[in-house]
Structures are given as structure tokens and as C-alpha cells.
């Protein structure tokens, strides 16, 4: 639905990583497969928010780490973005 409402626009999203031990690993693997079947590909970087590490995915072209950082800083402000987000 997001893609239908935003044709031609890049969409970036975060999903919990699938390469770390966790109790819901099978759910995470299914989630990643769902997004990949729907055209989302890894951006090549991760973020950590409140101690949880996420892989970044996008459709229609990579959203770079710098672009994502600017997006978050514009949305929440530089100070809050630095407190909440880490880029391992």
C-alpha cells in the first residue's frame, strides 16, 4: 500500500537484523523475505535505536546512510537524533 500511495518515490524502512541470536528469529526471517519479495533491498548499513539493531531496506534505489541521517535530523532535530540513533 505504501508503494501504491507513493509511486516513483524511494521508501526506506528498518527491520530487525536476522543474523543475531533472538527468540523471534523465524519471524524476522519471514519479515525480511516479505520485504525483499516486494522490491525492498538492503541499503548496506544498520542503525541502532534504544539498543536494538536494524537493517535498513529501500525500494527504488539505495537511501544512503547520510541521507537517512539528514532525514532523521530534520524530523527530530540534531540533538535528539544523536541521542536515539547509533550507526554501528
C-alpha atoms as a PDB file:
ATOM      1  CA  UNK A   1       0.000   0.000   0.000  1.00  0.00           C
ATOM      2  CA  UNK A   2       2.875   2.387   0.765  1.00  0.00           C
ATOM      3  CA  UNK A   3       4.310   1.851  -2.699  1.00  0.00           C
ATOM      4  CA  UNK A   4       0.889   2.375  -4.310  1.00  0.00           C
ATOM      5  CA  UNK A   5       0.354   5.644  -2.437  1.00  0.00           C
ATOM      6  CA  UNK A   6       3.846   6.891  -3.273  1.00  0.00           C
ATOM      7  CA  UNK A   7       4.597   5.832  -6.850  1.00  0.00           C
ATOM      8  CA  UNK A   8       8.099   6.650  -8.038  1.00  0.00           C
ATOM      9  CA  UNK A   9       9.335   7.582  -4.553  1.00  0.00           C
ATOM     10  CA  UNK A  10      12.010   5.810  -2.582  1.00  0.00           C
ATOM     11  CA  UNK A  11      10.812   4.308   0.675  1.00  0.00           C
ATOM     12  CA  UNK A  12      13.253   3.436   3.445  1.00  0.00           C
ATOM     13  CA  UNK A  13      12.422   1.157   6.344  1.00  0.00           C
ATOM     14  CA  UNK A  14      14.176  -0.629   9.150  1.00  0.00           C
ATOM     15  CA  UNK A  15      13.804  -4.274  10.128  1.00  0.00           C
ATOM     16  CA  UNK A  16      15.345  -6.196  12.994  1.00  0.00           C
ATOM     17  CA  UNK A  17      18.525  -7.969  11.933  1.00  0.00           C
ATOM     18  CA  UNK A  18      18.390 -11.667  11.114  1.00  0.00           C
ATOM     19  CA  UNK A  19      21.992 -12.559  11.948  1.00  0.00           C
ATOM     20  CA  UNK A  20      21.883 -12.116  15.729  1.00  0.00           C
ATOM     21  CA  UNK A  21      20.556 -14.658  18.234  1.00  0.00           C
ATOM     22  CA  UNK A  22      16.995 -13.803  19.275  1.00  0.00           C
ATOM     23  CA  UNK A  23      13.801 -15.575  20.338  1.00  0.00           C
ATOM     24  CA  UNK A  24      11.842 -14.469  17.240  1.00  0.00           C
ATOM     25  CA  UNK A  25      14.407 -15.291  14.544  1.00  0.00           C
ATOM     26  CA  UNK A  26      11.955 -17.152  12.299  1.00  0.00           C
ATOM     27  CA  UNK A  27       9.587 -14.167  12.363  1.00  0.00           C
ATOM     28  CA  UNK A  28      12.429 -11.805  11.440  1.00  0.00           C
ATOM     29  CA  UNK A  29      13.490 -14.055   8.545  1.00  0.00           C
ATOM     30  CA  UNK A  30       9.914 -14.153   7.199  1.00  0.00           C
ATOM     31  CA  UNK A  31       9.624 -10.373   7.525  1.00  0.00           C
ATOM     32  CA  UNK A  32      12.842  -9.778   5.578  1.00  0.00           C
ATOM     33  CA  UNK A  33      11.746 -12.242   2.864  1.00  0.00           C
ATOM     34  CA  UNK A  34       8.379 -10.451   2.587  1.00  0.00           C
ATOM     35  CA  UNK A  35      10.016  -7.078   2.020  1.00  0.00           C
ATOM     36  CA  UNK A  36      12.514  -8.491  -0.461  1.00  0.00           C
ATOM     37  CA  UNK A  37       9.704 -10.157  -2.435  1.00  0.00           C
ATOM     38  CA  UNK A  38       8.094  -6.716  -2.594  1.00  0.00           C
ATOM     39  CA  UNK A  39      11.135  -4.968  -4.050  1.00  0.00           C
ATOM     40  CA  UNK A  40      12.978  -3.775  -0.942  1.00  0.00           C
ATOM     41  CA  UNK A  41      16.728  -4.321  -0.935  1.00  0.00           C
ATOM     42  CA  UNK A  42      19.410  -3.785   1.742  1.00  0.00           C
ATOM     43  CA  UNK A  43      20.904  -0.292   1.882  1.00  0.00           C
ATOM     44  CA  UNK A  44      24.206  -1.618   3.236  1.00  0.00           C
ATOM     45  CA  UNK A  45      24.128  -0.129   6.729  1.00  0.00           C
ATOM     46  CA  UNK A  46      22.469  -0.605  10.084  1.00  0.00           C
ATOM     47  CA  UNK A  47      21.129   1.639  12.793  1.00  0.00           C
ATOM     48  CA  UNK A  48      20.757   1.003  16.497  1.00  0.00           C
ATOM     49  CA  UNK A  49      17.802   2.531  18.273  1.00  0.00           C
ATOM     50  CA  UNK A  50      17.374   2.045  22.018  1.00  0.00           C
ATOM     51  CA  UNK A  51      19.697  -0.957  21.977  1.00  0.00           C
ATOM     52  CA  UNK A  52      18.013  -2.750  19.051  1.00  0.00           C
ATOM     53  CA  UNK A  53      19.946  -3.097  15.780  1.00  0.00           C
ATOM     54  CA  UNK A  54      18.087  -2.759  12.499  1.00  0.00           C
ATOM     55  CA  UNK A  55      18.997  -3.384   8.860  1.00  0.00           C
ATOM     56  CA  UNK A  56      17.912  -0.619   6.517  1.00  0.00           C
ATOM     57  CA  UNK A  57      15.997  -1.521   3.348  1.00  0.00           C
ATOM     58  CA  UNK A  58      14.716   0.621   0.499  1.00  0.00           C
ATOM     59  CA  UNK A  59      12.878   0.300  -2.768  1.00  0.00           C
ATOM     60  CA  UNK A  60      13.618   2.194  -5.974  1.00  0.00           C
ATOM     61  CA  UNK A  61      17.276   2.839  -5.163  1.00  0.00           C
ATOM     62  CA  UNK A  62      19.504   2.924  -2.120  1.00  0.00           C
ATOM     63  CA  UNK A  63      18.912   5.535   0.557  1.00  0.00           C
ATOM     64  CA  UNK A  64      22.423   6.250   1.809  1.00  0.00           C
ATOM     65  CA  UNK A  65      23.386   6.462   5.465  1.00  0.00           C
ATOM     66  CA  UNK A  66      24.000  10.202   5.047  1.00  0.00           C
ATOM     67  CA  UNK A  67      20.539  10.698   3.516  1.00  0.00           C
ATOM     68  CA  UNK A  68      18.916   8.744   6.333  1.00  0.00           C
ATOM     69  CA  UNK A  69      20.839  10.724   8.960  1.00  0.00           C
ATOM     70  CA  UNK A  70      19.663  14.021   7.398  1.00  0.00           C
ATOM     71  CA  UNK A  71      16.083  12.732   7.255  1.00  0.00           C
ATOM     72  CA  UNK A  72      16.101  11.807  10.947  1.00  0.00           C
ATOM     73  CA  UNK A  73      17.844  15.044  11.962  1.00  0.00           C
ATOM     74  CA  UNK A  74      15.305  17.119  10.027  1.00  0.00           C
ATOM     75  CA  UNK A  75      12.464  15.166  11.621  1.00  0.00           C
ATOM     76  CA  UNK A  76      13.630  15.136  15.256  1.00  0.00           C
ATOM     77  CA  UNK A  77      16.411  17.667  15.455  1.00  0.00           C
ATOM     78  CA  UNK A  78      20.140  17.040  15.568  1.00  0.00           C
ATOM     79  CA  UNK A  79      20.487  16.538  19.319  1.00  0.00           C
ATOM     80  CA  UNK A  80      17.620  14.071  19.730  1.00  0.00           C
ATOM     81  CA  UNK A  81      18.695  12.161  16.612  1.00  0.00           C
ATOM     82  CA  UNK A  82      22.204  11.766  18.060  1.00  0.00           C
ATOM     83  CA  UNK A  83      20.823  10.533  21.377  1.00  0.00           C
ATOM     84  CA  UNK A  84      18.406   7.969  19.898  1.00  0.00           C
ATOM     85  CA  UNK A  85      20.271   6.625  16.852  1.00  0.00           C
ATOM     86  CA  UNK A  86      23.636   4.921  16.503  1.00  0.00           C
ATOM     87  CA  UNK A  87      25.239   3.762  13.253  1.00  0.00           C
ATOM     88  CA  UNK A  88      27.365   0.669  14.017  1.00  0.00           C
END
